[in-house]
């Protein structure tokens, strides 16, 4: 399976979020402390940058209208959110985070 470097492990602090671009696609990368997640960069509600949101180790919250998603459950909506997040598979190898596929 093909993989593309998205960032260094140290680029995203634990429970932090940061936006990157890979092959013309904007991606929000989240460091959960015990692993990394990657999802679409913009909230499906109104296109707000999700890297400006909050991650508590389980749930990502967009602070614009408080839509929430469980990243550990594949981007499933929680609370007010009416749409799931598009998630992208990631792999950590040494000190790099890769998007797979």
PDB file of N, CA and C in Angstrom:
ATOM      1  N   UNK A   1       0.848  -1.186   0.000  1.00  0.00           N
ATOM      2  CA  UNK A   1       0.000   0.000   0.000  1.00  0.00           C
ATOM      3  C   UNK A   1       0.887   1.241   0.000  1.00  0.00           C
ATOM      4  N   UNK A   2       0.527   2.184  -0.809  1.00  0.00           N
ATOM      5  CA  UNK A   2       1.267   3.438  -0.921  1.00  0.00           C
ATOM      6  C   UNK A   2       1.056   4.294   0.323  1.00  0.00           C
ATOM      7  N   UNK A   3       2.087   5.051   0.691  1.00  0.00           N
ATOM      8  CA  UNK A   3       1.960   5.972   1.819  1.00  0.00           C
ATOM      9  C   UNK A   3       2.703   7.259   1.499  1.00  0.00           C
ATOM     10  N   UNK A   4       2.229   8.344   2.106  1.00  0.00           N
ATOM     11  CA  UNK A   4       2.776   9.673   1.867  1.00  0.00           C
ATOM     12  C   UNK A   4       3.092  10.322   3.211  1.00  0.00           C
ATOM     13  N   UNK A   5       4.280  10.900   3.334  1.00  0.00           N
ATOM     14  CA  UNK A   5       4.636  11.617   4.558  1.00  0.00           C
ATOM     15  C   UNK A   5       3.697  12.799   4.734  1.00  0.00           C
ATOM     16  N   UNK A   6       3.139  12.937   5.937  1.00  0.00           N
ATOM     17  CA  UNK A   6       2.288  14.093   6.223  1.00  0.00           C
ATOM     18  C   UNK A   6       2.950  15.044   7.213  1.00  0.00           C
ATOM     19  N   UNK A   7       3.692  14.490   8.215  1.00  0.00           N
ATOM     20  CA  UNK A   7       4.364  15.341   9.194  1.00  0.00           C
ATOM     21  C   UNK A   7       5.301  14.506  10.059  1.00  0.00           C
ATOM     22  N   UNK A   8       6.055  15.188  10.897  1.00  0.00           N
ATOM     23  CA  UNK A   8       6.856  14.523  11.916  1.00  0.00           C
ATOM     24  C   UNK A   8       5.967  14.305  13.139  1.00  0.00           C
ATOM     25  N   UNK A   9       6.259  13.278  13.905  1.00  0.00           N
ATOM     26  CA  UNK A   9       5.514  13.004  15.137  1.00  0.00           C
ATOM     27  C   UNK A   9       5.540  14.230  16.047  1.00  0.00           C
ATOM     28  N   UNK A  10       6.665  14.902  16.115  1.00  0.00           N
ATOM     29  CA  UNK A  10       6.822  16.055  17.016  1.00  0.00           C
ATOM     30  C   UNK A  10       6.117  17.323  16.518  1.00  0.00           C
ATOM     31  N   UNK A  11       5.582  17.306  15.296  1.00  0.00           N
ATOM     32  CA  UNK A  11       4.880  18.477  14.768  1.00  0.00           C
ATOM     33  C   UNK A  11       3.527  18.718  15.427  1.00  0.00           C
ATOM     34  N   UNK A  12       2.951  17.660  16.034  1.00  0.00           N
ATOM     35  CA  UNK A  12       1.618  17.782  16.633  1.00  0.00           C
ATOM     36  C   UNK A  12       1.711  17.376  18.111  1.00  0.00           C
ATOM     37  N   UNK A  13       1.465  18.301  19.046  1.00  0.00           N
ATOM     38  CA  UNK A  13       1.565  17.970  20.471  1.00  0.00           C
ATOM     39  C   UNK A  13       0.476  16.983  20.892  1.00  0.00           C
ATOM     40  N   UNK A  14       0.691  16.286  21.997  1.00  0.00           N
ATOM     41  CA  UNK A  14      -0.303  15.345  22.516  1.00  0.00           C
ATOM     42  C   UNK A  14      -1.632  16.075  22.747  1.00  0.00           C
ATOM     43  N   UNK A  15      -2.701  15.460  22.296  1.00  0.00           N
ATOM     44  CA  UNK A  15      -4.062  16.012  22.306  1.00  0.00           C
ATOM     45  C   UNK A  15      -4.166  17.298  21.491  1.00  0.00           C
ATOM     46  N   UNK A  16      -3.210  17.481  20.572  1.00  0.00           N
ATOM     47  CA  UNK A  16      -3.218  18.645  19.704  1.00  0.00           C
ATOM     48  C   UNK A  16      -3.666  18.306  18.294  1.00  0.00           C
ATOM     49  N   UNK A  17      -3.954  19.350  17.539  1.00  0.00           N
ATOM     50  CA  UNK A  17      -4.409  19.226  16.158  1.00  0.00           C
ATOM     51  C   UNK A  17      -3.595  20.180  15.299  1.00  0.00           C
ATOM     52  N   UNK A  18      -3.325  19.774  14.085  1.00  0.00           N
ATOM     53  CA  UNK A  18      -2.617  20.662  13.178  1.00  0.00           C
ATOM     54  C   UNK A  18      -2.999  20.302  11.749  1.00  0.00           C
ATOM     55  N   UNK A  19      -3.144  21.324  10.925  1.00  0.00           N
ATOM     56  CA  UNK A  19      -3.517  21.111   9.529  1.00  0.00           C
ATOM     57  C   UNK A  19      -2.272  21.000   8.660  1.00  0.00           C
ATOM     58  N   UNK A  20      -2.324  20.049   7.737  1.00  0.00           N
ATOM     59  CA  UNK A  20      -1.258  19.845   6.761  1.00  0.00           C
ATOM     60  C   UNK A  20      -1.893  19.666   5.397  1.00  0.00           C
ATOM     61  N   UNK A  21      -1.067  19.763   4.366  1.00  0.00           N
ATOM     62  CA  UNK A  21      -1.542  19.507   3.012  1.00  0.00           C
ATOM     63  C   UNK A  21      -0.726  18.376   2.414  1.00  0.00           C
ATOM     64  N   UNK A  22      -1.415  17.438   1.788  1.00  0.00           N
ATOM     65  CA  UNK A  22      -0.767  16.301   1.158  1.00  0.00           C
ATOM     66  C   UNK A  22      -1.436  16.037  -0.181  1.00  0.00           C
ATOM     67  N   UNK A  23      -0.660  16.084  -1.240  1.00  0.00           N
ATOM     68  CA  UNK A  23      -1.178  15.837  -2.593  1.00  0.00           C
ATOM     69  C   UNK A  23      -2.400  16.704  -2.907  1.00  0.00           C
ATOM     70  N   UNK A  24      -2.345  17.961  -2.498  1.00  0.00           N
ATOM     71  CA  UNK A  24      -3.426  18.900  -2.777  1.00  0.00           C
ATOM     72  C   UNK A  24      -4.633  18.777  -1.865  1.00  0.00           C
ATOM     73  N   UNK A  25      -4.560  17.885  -0.878  1.00  0.00           N
ATOM     74  CA  UNK A  25      -5.680  17.676   0.041  1.00  0.00           C
ATOM     75  C   UNK A  25      -5.303  18.212   1.416  1.00  0.00           C
ATOM     76  N   UNK A  26      -6.166  19.041   2.014  1.00  0.00           N
ATOM     77  CA  UNK A  26      -5.940  19.537   3.370  1.00  0.00           C
ATOM     78  C   UNK A  26      -6.428  18.484   4.356  1.00  0.00           C
ATOM     79  N   UNK A  27      -5.578  18.214   5.360  1.00  0.00           N
ATOM     80  CA  UNK A  27      -5.847  17.156   6.329  1.00  0.00           C
ATOM     81  C   UNK A  27      -5.586  17.685   7.732  1.00  0.00           C
ATOM     82  N   UNK A  28      -6.458  17.347   8.664  1.00  0.00           N
ATOM     83  CA  UNK A  28      -6.251  17.661  10.072  1.00  0.00           C
ATOM     84  C   UNK A  28      -5.646  16.424  10.724  1.00  0.00           C
ATOM     85  N   UNK A  29      -4.469  16.575  11.325  1.00  0.00           N
ATOM     86  CA  UNK A  29      -3.793  15.478  12.009  1.00  0.00           C
ATOM     87  C   UNK A  29      -3.920  15.699  13.510  1.00  0.00           C
ATOM     88  N   UNK A  30      -4.302  14.629  14.218  1.00  0.00           N
ATOM     89  CA  UNK A  30      -4.544  14.694  15.651  1.00  0.00           C
ATOM     90  C   UNK A  30      -3.630  13.702  16.353  1.00  0.00           C
ATOM     91  N   UNK A  31      -2.932  14.169  17.391  1.00  0.00           N
ATOM     92  CA  UNK A  31      -2.081  13.302  18.207  1.00  0.00           C
ATOM     93  C   UNK A  31      -2.864  12.937  19.460  1.00  0.00           C
ATOM     94  N   UNK A  32      -3.262  11.669  19.571  1.00  0.00           N
ATOM     95  CA  UNK A  32      -4.046  11.208  20.718  1.00  0.00           C
ATOM     96  C   UNK A  32      -3.179  10.736  21.871  1.00  0.00           C
ATOM     97  N   UNK A  33      -1.864  10.862  21.726  1.00  0.00           N
ATOM     98  CA  UNK A  33      -0.955  10.411  22.769  1.00  0.00           C
ATOM     99  C   UNK A  33      -0.568   8.961  22.585  1.00  0.00           C
ATOM    100  N   UNK A  34      -1.547   8.108  22.283  1.00  0.00           N
ATOM    101  CA  UNK A  34      -1.284   6.696  22.039  1.00  0.00           C
ATOM    102  C   UNK A  34      -1.410   6.342  20.565  1.00  0.00           C
ATOM    103  N   UNK A  35      -1.517   7.360  19.727  1.00  0.00           N
ATOM    104  CA  UNK A  35      -1.636   7.149  18.288  1.00  0.00           C
ATOM    105  C   UNK A  35      -2.070   8.429  17.603  1.00  0.00           C
ATOM    106  N   UNK A  36      -2.111   8.373  16.290  1.00  0.00           N
ATOM    107  CA  UNK A  36      -2.486   9.532  15.486  1.00  0.00           C
ATOM    108  C   UNK A  36      -3.734   9.229  14.678  1.00  0.00           C
ATOM    109  N   UNK A  37      -4.504  10.282  14.411  1.00  0.00           N
ATOM    110  CA  UNK A  37      -5.658  10.216  13.533  1.00  0.00           C
ATOM    111  C   UNK A  37      -5.497  11.295  12.472  1.00  0.00           C
ATOM    112  N   UNK A  38      -6.152  11.100  11.344  1.00  0.00           N
ATOM    113  CA  UNK A  38      -6.201  12.129  10.309  1.00  0.00           C
ATOM    114  C   UNK A  38      -7.626  12.167   9.766  1.00  0.00           C
ATOM    115  N   UNK A  39      -8.133  13.382   9.555  1.00  0.00           N
ATOM    116  CA  UNK A  39      -9.487  13.547   9.053  1.00  0.00           C
ATOM    117  C   UNK A  39      -9.534  14.755   8.122  1.00  0.00           C
ATOM    118  N   UNK A  40     -10.690  14.939   7.522  1.00  0.00           N
ATOM    119  CA  UNK A  40     -10.888  16.111   6.676  1.00  0.00           C
ATOM    120  C   UNK A  40     -10.549  17.359   7.483  1.00  0.00           C
ATOM    121  N   UNK A  41     -10.050  18.373   6.822  1.00  0.00           N
ATOM    122  CA  UNK A  41      -9.570  19.567   7.517  1.00  0.00           C
ATOM    123  C   UNK A  41     -10.675  20.534   7.901  1.00  0.00           C
ATOM    124  N   UNK A  42     -11.813  20.457   7.219  1.00  0.00           N
ATOM    125  CA  UNK A  42     -12.891  21.413   7.455  1.00  0.00           C
ATOM    126  C   UNK A  42     -14.118  20.724   8.042  1.00  0.00           C
ATOM    127  N   UNK A  43     -14.771  21.401   8.956  1.00  0.00           N
ATOM    128  CA  UNK A  43     -16.006  20.901   9.540  1.00  0.00           C
ATOM    129  C   UNK A  43     -17.053  20.725   8.434  1.00  0.00           C
ATOM    130  N   UNK A  44     -17.758  19.586   8.407  1.00  0.00           N
ATOM    131  CA  UNK A  44     -18.767  19.387   7.369  1.00  0.00           C
ATOM    132  C   UNK A  44     -19.983  20.299   7.510  1.00  0.00           C
ATOM    133  N   UNK A  45     -20.101  20.987   8.643  1.00  0.00           N
ATOM    134  CA  UNK A  45     -21.238  21.865   8.877  1.00  0.00           C
ATOM    135  C   UNK A  45     -21.095  23.168   8.097  1.00  0.00           C
ATOM    136  N   UNK A  46     -20.019  23.920   8.361  1.00  0.00           N
ATOM    137  CA  UNK A  46     -19.845  25.211   7.688  1.00  0.00           C
ATOM    138  C   UNK A  46     -18.417  25.466   7.231  1.00  0.00           C
ATOM    139  N   UNK A  47     -17.623  24.417   7.153  1.00  0.00           N
ATOM    140  CA  UNK A  47     -16.279  24.557   6.580  1.00  0.00           C
ATOM    141  C   UNK A  47     -15.247  25.199   7.490  1.00  0.00           C
ATOM    142  N   UNK A  48     -15.509  25.278   8.780  1.00  0.00           N
ATOM    143  CA  UNK A  48     -14.559  25.852   9.739  1.00  0.00           C
ATOM    144  C   UNK A  48     -13.363  24.910   9.874  1.00  0.00           C
ATOM    145  N   UNK A  49     -12.158  25.467  10.011  1.00  0.00           N
ATOM    146  CA  UNK A  49     -10.945  24.656  10.152  1.00  0.00           C
ATOM    147  C   UNK A  49     -10.993  23.857  11.453  1.00  0.00           C
ATOM    148  N   UNK A  50     -10.954  22.532  11.342  1.00  0.00           N
ATOM    149  CA  UNK A  50     -11.015  21.683  12.532  1.00  0.00           C
ATOM    150  C   UNK A  50      -9.755  21.751  13.373  1.00  0.00           C
ATOM    151  N   UNK A  51      -8.642  22.201  12.786  1.00  0.00           N
ATOM    152  CA  UNK A  51      -7.412  22.337  13.576  1.00  0.00           C
ATOM    153  C   UNK A  51      -7.546  23.437  14.625  1.00  0.00           C
ATOM    154  N   UNK A  52      -8.588  24.254  14.532  1.00  0.00           N
ATOM    155  CA  UNK A  52      -8.870  25.277  15.546  1.00  0.00           C
ATOM    156  C   UNK A  52      -9.787  24.745  16.645  1.00  0.00           C
ATOM    157  N   UNK A  53     -10.144  23.454  16.555  1.00  0.00           N
ATOM    158  CA  UNK A  53     -11.030  22.846  17.527  1.00  0.00           C
ATOM    159  C   UNK A  53     -10.281  22.312  18.732  1.00  0.00           C
ATOM    160  N   UNK A  54     -10.934  21.417  19.466  1.00  0.00           N
ATOM    161  CA  UNK A  54     -10.392  20.845  20.693  1.00  0.00           C
ATOM    162  C   UNK A  54     -10.533  19.329  20.622  1.00  0.00           C
ATOM    163  N   UNK A  55      -9.490  18.618  21.059  1.00  0.00           N
ATOM    164  CA  UNK A  55      -9.529  17.159  21.140  1.00  0.00           C
ATOM    165  C   UNK A  55      -9.241  16.764  22.573  1.00  0.00           C
ATOM    166  N   UNK A  56     -10.113  15.936  23.173  1.00  0.00           N
ATOM    167  CA  UNK A  56      -9.959  15.561  24.581  1.00  0.00           C
ATOM    168  C   UNK A  56      -9.427  14.133  24.771  1.00  0.00           C
ATOM    169  N   UNK A  57      -8.902  13.547  23.717  1.00  0.00           N
ATOM    170  CA  UNK A  57      -8.406  12.184  23.778  1.00  0.00           C
ATOM    171  C   UNK A  57      -9.377  11.186  23.169  1.00  0.00           C
ATOM    172  N   UNK A  58     -10.604  11.597  22.974  1.00  0.00           N
ATOM    173  CA  UNK A  58     -11.644  10.750  22.379  1.00  0.00           C
ATOM    174  C   UNK A  58     -12.458  11.518  21.341  1.00  0.00           C
ATOM    175  N   UNK A  59     -12.896  12.712  21.718  1.00  0.00           N
ATOM    176  CA  UNK A  59     -13.839  13.481  20.915  1.00  0.00           C
ATOM    177  C   UNK A  59     -13.187  14.758  20.383  1.00  0.00           C
ATOM    178  N   UNK A  60     -13.393  14.999  19.094  1.00  0.00           N
ATOM    179  CA  UNK A  60     -12.970  16.238  18.448  1.00  0.00           C
ATOM    180  C   UNK A  60     -14.171  17.169  18.413  1.00  0.00           C
ATOM    181  N   UNK A  61     -13.980  18.410  18.867  1.00  0.00           N
ATOM    182  CA  UNK A  61     -15.058  19.399  18.899  1.00  0.00           C
ATOM    183  C   UNK A  61     -14.691  20.590  18.039  1.00  0.00           C
ATOM    184  N   UNK A  62     -15.576  20.929  17.108  1.00  0.00           N
ATOM    185  CA  UNK A  62     -15.448  22.165  16.337  1.00  0.00           C
ATOM    186  C   UNK A  62     -16.031  23.271  17.215  1.00  0.00           C
ATOM    187  N   UNK A  63     -15.238  24.286  17.496  1.00  0.00           N
ATOM    188  CA  UNK A  63     -15.675  25.320  18.430  1.00  0.00           C
ATOM    189  C   UNK A  63     -16.643  26.343  17.843  1.00  0.00           C
ATOM    190  N   UNK A  64     -16.850  26.308  16.527  1.00  0.00           N
ATOM    191  CA  UNK A  64     -17.757  27.274  15.914  1.00  0.00           C
ATOM    192  C   UNK A  64     -19.213  27.020  16.327  1.00  0.00           C
ATOM    193  N   UNK A  65     -19.686  25.774  16.198  1.00  0.00           N
ATOM    194  CA  UNK A  65     -21.070  25.442  16.554  1.00  0.00           C
ATOM    195  C   UNK A  65     -21.165  24.184  17.415  1.00  0.00           C
ATOM    196  N   UNK A  66     -20.034  23.752  17.964  1.00  0.00           N
ATOM    197  CA  UNK A  66     -19.942  22.641  18.914  1.00  0.00           C
ATOM    198  C   UNK A  66     -20.325  21.279  18.334  1.00  0.00           C
ATOM    199  N   UNK A  67     -20.120  21.107  17.039  1.00  0.00           N
ATOM    200  CA  UNK A  67     -20.285  19.771  16.472  1.00  0.00           C
ATOM    201  C   UNK A  67     -19.146  18.913  16.999  1.00  0.00           C
ATOM    202  N   UNK A  68     -19.420  17.624  17.265  1.00  0.00           N
ATOM    203  CA  UNK A  68     -18.427  16.720  17.835  1.00  0.00           C
ATOM    204  C   UNK A  68     -18.417  15.373  17.114  1.00  0.00           C
ATOM    205  N   UNK A  69     -17.227  14.721  17.147  1.00  0.00           N
ATOM    206  CA  UNK A  69     -17.048  13.409  16.532  1.00  0.00           C
ATOM    207  C   UNK A  69     -16.135  12.551  17.392  1.00  0.00           C
ATOM    208  N   UNK A  70     -16.434  11.259  17.443  1.00  0.00           N
ATOM    209  CA  UNK A  70     -15.560  10.301  18.111  1.00  0.00           C
ATOM    210  C   UNK A  70     -14.526   9.815  17.104  1.00  0.00           C
ATOM    211  N   UNK A  71     -13.276  10.203  17.294  1.00  0.00           N
ATOM    212  CA  UNK A  71     -12.236   9.774  16.367  1.00  0.00           C
ATOM    213  C   UNK A  71     -11.911   8.304  16.547  1.00  0.00           C
ATOM    214  N   UNK A  72     -12.042   7.814  17.760  1.00  0.00           N
ATOM    215  CA  UNK A  72     -11.751   6.398  18.027  1.00  0.00           C
ATOM    216  C   UNK A  72     -12.833   5.478  17.456  1.00  0.00           C
ATOM    217  N   UNK A  73     -13.956   6.057  17.061  1.00  0.00           N
ATOM    218  CA  UNK A  73     -15.036   5.290  16.434  1.00  0.00           C
ATOM    219  C   UNK A  73     -15.217   5.713  14.977  1.00  0.00           C
ATOM    220  N   UNK A  74     -14.101   6.051  14.326  1.00  0.00           N
ATOM    221  CA  UNK A  74     -14.119   6.318  12.890  1.00  0.00           C
ATOM    222  C   UNK A  74     -14.776   7.603  12.453  1.00  0.00           C
ATOM    223  N   UNK A  75     -14.812   8.618  13.337  1.00  0.00           N
ATOM    224  CA  UNK A  75     -15.393   9.902  12.965  1.00  0.00           C
ATOM    225  C   UNK A  75     -16.905   9.965  13.119  1.00  0.00           C
ATOM    226  N   UNK A  76     -17.463   9.044  13.912  1.00  0.00           N
ATOM    227  CA  UNK A  76     -18.917   9.028  14.129  1.00  0.00           C
ATOM    228  C   UNK A  76     -19.373  10.302  14.843  1.00  0.00           C
ATOM    229  N   UNK A  77     -20.495  10.875  14.395  1.00  0.00           N
ATOM    230  CA  UNK A  77     -20.987  12.108  15.011  1.00  0.00           C
ATOM    231  C   UNK A  77     -21.481  11.886  16.434  1.00  0.00           C
ATOM    232  N   UNK A  78     -21.336  12.922  17.240  1.00  0.00           N
ATOM    233  CA  UNK A  78     -21.805  12.947  18.625  1.00  0.00           C
ATOM    234  C   UNK A  78     -22.601  14.238  18.819  1.00  0.00           C
ATOM    235  N   UNK A  79     -23.502  14.242  19.769  1.00  0.00           N
ATOM    236  CA  UNK A  79     -24.233  15.458  20.113  1.00  0.00           C
ATOM    237  C   UNK A  79     -24.935  16.099  18.939  1.00  0.00           C
ATOM    238  N   UNK A  80     -24.596  17.355  18.676  1.00  0.00           N
ATOM    239  CA  UNK A  80     -25.261  18.143  17.642  1.00  0.00           C
ATOM    240  C   UNK A  80     -24.860  17.771  16.212  1.00  0.00           C
ATOM    241  N   UNK A  81     -23.730  17.120  16.038  1.00  0.00           N
ATOM    242  CA  UNK A  81     -23.222  16.828  14.688  1.00  0.00           C
ATOM    243  C   UNK A  81     -24.209  15.961  13.914  1.00  0.00           C
ATOM    244  N   UNK A  82     -24.450  16.357  12.673  1.00  0.00           N
ATOM    245  CA  UNK A  82     -25.397  15.632  11.835  1.00  0.00           C
ATOM    246  C   UNK A  82     -24.715  14.846  10.722  1.00  0.00           C
ATOM    247  N   UNK A  83     -23.376  14.902  10.671  1.00  0.00           N
ATOM    248  CA  UNK A  83     -22.648  14.197   9.612  1.00  0.00           C
ATOM    249  C   UNK A  83     -21.331  13.669  10.179  1.00  0.00           C
ATOM    250  N   UNK A  84     -20.894  12.502   9.710  1.00  0.00           N
ATOM    251  CA  UNK A  84     -19.613  11.971  10.170  1.00  0.00           C
ATOM    252  C   UNK A  84     -18.455  12.719   9.528  1.00  0.00           C
ATOM    253  N   UNK A  85     -17.259  12.509  10.090  1.00  0.00           N
ATOM    254  CA  UNK A  85     -16.035  13.044   9.493  1.00  0.00           C
ATOM    255  C   UNK A  85     -15.449  12.014   8.540  1.00  0.00           C
ATOM    256  N   UNK A  86     -14.839  12.499   7.488  1.00  0.00           N
ATOM    257  CA  UNK A  86     -14.079  11.613   6.615  1.00  0.00           C
ATOM    258  C   UNK A  86     -12.722  11.397   7.277  1.00  0.00           C
ATOM    259  N   UNK A  87     -12.420  10.146   7.576  1.00  0.00           N
ATOM    260  CA  UNK A  87     -11.172   9.782   8.240  1.00  0.00           C
ATOM    261  C   UNK A  87     -10.214   9.174   7.222  1.00  0.00           C
ATOM    262  N   UNK A  88      -8.931   9.355   7.451  1.00  0.00           N
ATOM    263  CA  UNK A  88      -7.903   8.814   6.563  1.00  0.00           C
ATOM    264  C   UNK A  88      -6.984   7.910   7.383  1.00  0.00           C
ATOM    265  N   UNK A  89      -6.624   6.748   6.844  1.00  0.00           N
ATOM    266  CA  UNK A  89      -5.727   5.851   7.574  1.00  0.00           C
ATOM    267  C   UNK A  89      -4.326   6.436   7.682  1.00  0.00           C
ATOM    268  N   UNK A  90      -3.718   6.285   8.852  1.00  0.00           N
ATOM    269  CA  UNK A  90      -2.365   6.781   9.085  1.00  0.00           C
ATOM    270  C   UNK A  90      -1.482   5.651   9.599  1.00  0.00           C
ATOM    271  N   UNK A  91      -0.199   5.868   9.457  1.00  0.00           N
ATOM    272  CA  UNK A  91       0.803   4.937   9.965  1.00  0.00           C
ATOM    273  C   UNK A  91       1.952   5.755  10.520  1.00  0.00           C
ATOM    274  N   UNK A  92       2.446   5.366  11.684  1.00  0.00           N
ATOM    275  CA  UNK A  92       3.614   6.015  12.268  1.00  0.00           C
ATOM    276  C   UNK A  92       4.786   5.061  12.099  1.00  0.00           C
ATOM    277  N   UNK A  93       5.863   5.601  11.541  1.00  0.00           N
ATOM    278  CA  UNK A  93       7.079   4.817  11.324  1.00  0.00           C
ATOM    279  C   UNK A  93       8.251   5.690  11.759  1.00  0.00           C
ATOM    280  N   UNK A  94       8.941   5.230  12.800  1.00  0.00           N
ATOM    281  CA  UNK A  94      10.039   6.004  13.393  1.00  0.00           C
ATOM    282  C   UNK A  94       9.473   7.333  13.880  1.00  0.00           C
ATOM    283  N   UNK A  95       9.942   8.448  13.339  1.00  0.00           N
ATOM    284  CA  UNK A  95       9.461   9.750  13.798  1.00  0.00           C
ATOM    285  C   UNK A  95       8.570  10.463  12.779  1.00  0.00           C
ATOM    286  N   UNK A  96       8.007   9.702  11.835  1.00  0.00           N
ATOM    287  CA  UNK A  96       7.187  10.296  10.794  1.00  0.00           C
ATOM    288  C   UNK A  96       5.759   9.731  10.826  1.00  0.00           C
ATOM    289  N   UNK A  97       4.793  10.580  10.452  1.00  0.00           N
ATOM    290  CA  UNK A  97       3.405  10.177  10.304  1.00  0.00           C
ATOM    291  C   UNK A  97       3.110  10.147   8.813  1.00  0.00           C
ATOM    292  N   UNK A  98       2.519   9.048   8.351  1.00  0.00           N
ATOM    293  CA  UNK A  98       2.219   8.848   6.943  1.00  0.00           C
ATOM    294  C   UNK A  98       0.711   8.682   6.755  1.00  0.00           C
ATOM    295  N   UNK A  99       0.211   9.208   5.627  1.00  0.00           N
ATOM    296  CA  UNK A  99      -1.135   8.885   5.172  1.00  0.00           C
ATOM    297  C   UNK A  99      -1.020   7.656   4.300  1.00  0.00           C
ATOM    298  N   UNK A 100      -1.866   6.674   4.539  1.00  0.00           N
ATOM    299  CA  UNK A 100      -1.843   5.440   3.755  1.00  0.00           C
ATOM    300  C   UNK A 100      -2.903   5.494   2.670  1.00  0.00           C
ATOM    301  N   UNK A 101      -2.583   4.894   1.540  1.00  0.00           N
ATOM    302  CA  UNK A 101      -3.573   4.770   0.466  1.00  0.00           C
ATOM    303  C   UNK A 101      -3.424   5.775  -0.611  1.00  0.00           C
TER     304      UNK A 101
END
